[in-house]
N, C-alpha and C. Protein backbone atom coordinates (compact mmCIF):
# COMPACT_ATOMS: atom_id res chain seq x y z
N MET A 1 -36.42 9.61 30.11
CA MET A 1 -37.36 8.83 29.33
C MET A 1 -37.41 7.41 29.91
N LYS A 2 -38.59 6.97 30.16
CA LYS A 2 -38.78 5.65 30.75
C LYS A 2 -39.18 4.68 29.65
N LEU A 3 -38.40 3.60 29.48
CA LEU A 3 -38.71 2.60 28.46
C LEU A 3 -39.70 1.58 29.01
N ARG A 4 -40.53 1.08 28.13
CA ARG A 4 -41.48 0.06 28.54
C ARG A 4 -40.79 -1.23 28.91
N ASN A 5 -39.86 -1.63 28.06
CA ASN A 5 -39.16 -2.88 28.32
C ASN A 5 -37.67 -2.68 28.03
N PRO A 6 -36.90 -2.38 29.05
CA PRO A 6 -35.48 -2.13 28.83
C PRO A 6 -34.73 -3.36 28.32
N LEU A 7 -35.25 -4.55 28.59
CA LEU A 7 -34.60 -5.76 28.09
C LEU A 7 -34.69 -5.82 26.56
N LEU A 8 -35.86 -5.51 26.02
CA LEU A 8 -36.00 -5.50 24.55
C LEU A 8 -35.13 -4.41 23.92
N ALA A 9 -35.04 -3.27 24.56
CA ALA A 9 -34.22 -2.19 24.03
C ALA A 9 -32.74 -2.59 24.02
N SER A 10 -32.29 -3.26 25.08
CA SER A 10 -30.89 -3.67 25.12
C SER A 10 -30.61 -4.77 24.10
N ILE A 11 -31.57 -5.66 23.89
CA ILE A 11 -31.39 -6.71 22.87
C ILE A 11 -31.32 -6.09 21.48
N ALA A 12 -32.19 -5.11 21.22
CA ALA A 12 -32.17 -4.44 19.91
C ALA A 12 -30.86 -3.69 19.71
N LEU A 13 -30.37 -3.06 20.75
CA LEU A 13 -29.11 -2.33 20.64
C LEU A 13 -27.94 -3.29 20.41
N ALA A 14 -27.94 -4.42 21.10
CA ALA A 14 -26.88 -5.41 20.91
C ALA A 14 -26.96 -6.01 19.50
N GLY A 15 -28.17 -6.25 19.01
CA GLY A 15 -28.33 -6.77 17.65
C GLY A 15 -27.82 -5.80 16.61
N ALA A 16 -28.11 -4.51 16.80
CA ALA A 16 -27.63 -3.50 15.86
C ALA A 16 -26.10 -3.43 15.89
N GLY A 17 -25.53 -3.54 17.07
CA GLY A 17 -24.07 -3.53 17.18
C GLY A 17 -23.45 -4.75 16.52
N ALA A 18 -24.08 -5.91 16.68
CA ALA A 18 -23.57 -7.13 16.06
C ALA A 18 -23.64 -7.03 14.53
N LEU A 19 -24.75 -6.48 14.02
CA LEU A 19 -24.85 -6.32 12.56
C LEU A 19 -23.81 -5.35 12.03
N ALA A 20 -23.57 -4.27 12.77
CA ALA A 20 -22.54 -3.31 12.34
C ALA A 20 -21.16 -3.95 12.36
N TYR A 21 -20.89 -4.77 13.37
CA TYR A 21 -19.60 -5.45 13.44
C TYR A 21 -19.43 -6.43 12.28
N LEU A 22 -20.48 -7.20 11.99
CA LEU A 22 -20.39 -8.17 10.89
C LEU A 22 -20.21 -7.46 9.55
N ALA A 23 -20.90 -6.35 9.36
CA ALA A 23 -20.77 -5.61 8.10
C ALA A 23 -19.35 -5.08 7.93
N ARG A 24 -18.74 -4.66 9.02
CA ARG A 24 -17.38 -4.12 8.94
C ARG A 24 -16.34 -5.23 8.82
N ALA A 25 -16.59 -6.35 9.47
CA ALA A 25 -15.60 -7.42 9.51
C ALA A 25 -15.64 -8.29 8.25
N LYS A 26 -16.70 -8.20 7.47
CA LYS A 26 -16.79 -9.04 6.28
C LYS A 26 -15.71 -8.65 5.28
N ARG A 27 -14.95 -9.63 4.85
CA ARG A 27 -13.88 -9.35 3.91
C ARG A 27 -14.46 -9.18 2.51
N PRO A 28 -13.92 -8.27 1.72
CA PRO A 28 -14.42 -8.11 0.36
C PRO A 28 -14.09 -9.34 -0.49
N GLN A 29 -14.95 -9.62 -1.45
CA GLN A 29 -14.74 -10.76 -2.32
C GLN A 29 -13.58 -10.47 -3.27
N LEU A 30 -12.76 -11.48 -3.51
CA LEU A 30 -11.65 -11.32 -4.44
C LEU A 30 -12.18 -11.25 -5.86
N PRO A 31 -11.55 -10.47 -6.74
CA PRO A 31 -12.00 -10.41 -8.13
C PRO A 31 -11.72 -11.73 -8.84
N GLU A 32 -12.46 -11.95 -9.92
CA GLU A 32 -12.24 -13.15 -10.72
C GLU A 32 -10.83 -13.11 -11.30
N PRO A 33 -10.15 -14.24 -11.38
CA PRO A 33 -8.81 -14.23 -11.96
C PRO A 33 -8.86 -13.84 -13.44
N ALA A 34 -7.85 -13.15 -13.87
CA ALA A 34 -7.79 -12.70 -15.26
C ALA A 34 -7.60 -13.91 -16.17
N ALA A 35 -8.13 -13.77 -17.38
CA ALA A 35 -7.96 -14.84 -18.37
C ALA A 35 -6.47 -14.95 -18.71
N GLU A 36 -6.05 -16.16 -18.99
CA GLU A 36 -4.64 -16.37 -19.32
C GLU A 36 -4.34 -15.74 -20.68
N PRO A 37 -3.30 -14.94 -20.77
CA PRO A 37 -2.99 -14.32 -22.06
C PRO A 37 -2.51 -15.38 -23.06
N PRO A 38 -2.71 -15.12 -24.33
CA PRO A 38 -2.25 -16.11 -25.32
C PRO A 38 -0.74 -16.27 -25.28
N ARG A 39 -0.29 -17.46 -25.54
CA ARG A 39 1.15 -17.71 -25.53
C ARG A 39 1.78 -17.08 -26.78
N LEU A 40 2.99 -16.65 -26.64
CA LEU A 40 3.68 -16.01 -27.76
C LEU A 40 3.87 -17.02 -28.88
N GLY A 41 3.61 -16.58 -30.11
CA GLY A 41 3.79 -17.45 -31.26
C GLY A 41 2.55 -18.23 -31.63
N TYR A 42 1.48 -18.10 -30.86
CA TYR A 42 0.25 -18.82 -31.17
C TYR A 42 -0.88 -17.81 -31.31
N SER A 43 -1.87 -18.15 -32.10
CA SER A 43 -3.02 -17.29 -32.29
C SER A 43 -4.28 -18.09 -32.04
N ARG A 44 -5.24 -17.46 -31.39
CA ARG A 44 -6.50 -18.14 -31.12
C ARG A 44 -7.55 -17.83 -32.19
N ASN A 45 -7.36 -16.76 -32.94
CA ASN A 45 -8.40 -16.37 -33.89
C ASN A 45 -7.95 -16.48 -35.35
N GLY A 46 -6.80 -17.01 -35.61
CA GLY A 46 -6.36 -17.22 -36.98
C GLY A 46 -5.83 -15.98 -37.67
N SER A 47 -5.59 -14.90 -36.93
CA SER A 47 -5.14 -13.67 -37.57
C SER A 47 -3.63 -13.60 -37.71
N ALA A 48 -2.93 -14.60 -37.22
CA ALA A 48 -1.47 -14.60 -37.33
C ALA A 48 -1.08 -14.88 -38.78
N PRO A 49 -0.01 -14.29 -39.25
CA PRO A 49 0.42 -14.57 -40.63
C PRO A 49 0.80 -16.03 -40.82
N ALA A 50 0.48 -16.56 -41.97
CA ALA A 50 0.77 -17.96 -42.25
C ALA A 50 2.27 -18.12 -42.50
N PRO A 51 2.84 -19.25 -42.12
CA PRO A 51 4.27 -19.47 -42.40
C PRO A 51 4.54 -19.48 -43.91
N ALA A 52 5.75 -19.17 -44.28
CA ALA A 52 6.12 -19.09 -45.70
C ALA A 52 5.93 -20.43 -46.40
N SER A 53 6.07 -21.52 -45.69
CA SER A 53 5.93 -22.84 -46.33
C SER A 53 4.49 -23.09 -46.77
N GLU A 54 3.50 -22.46 -46.09
CA GLU A 54 2.10 -22.67 -46.48
C GLU A 54 1.66 -21.73 -47.59
N THR A 55 2.34 -20.61 -47.77
CA THR A 55 1.93 -19.64 -48.80
C THR A 55 2.65 -19.87 -50.13
N GLY A 56 3.55 -20.78 -50.16
CA GLY A 56 4.29 -21.07 -51.40
C GLY A 56 5.53 -20.23 -51.53
N GLY A 57 5.79 -19.34 -50.61
CA GLY A 57 6.99 -18.50 -50.67
C GLY A 57 8.21 -19.29 -50.25
N GLN A 58 9.37 -18.76 -50.61
CA GLN A 58 10.59 -19.47 -50.25
C GLN A 58 11.56 -18.61 -49.54
């Protein structure tokens, strides 16, 4: 098979190879860091039991 312009064919082939290399070499994005867990003994939503001094208990 005789190509019309072998220079264009070689440039296209090199471009395809470069794109394949970049796609393979690209590092995956790191996931978002996890939210910090609540500290022990503290509540963010108010569902923790109230201390005995606030409920009137002794």
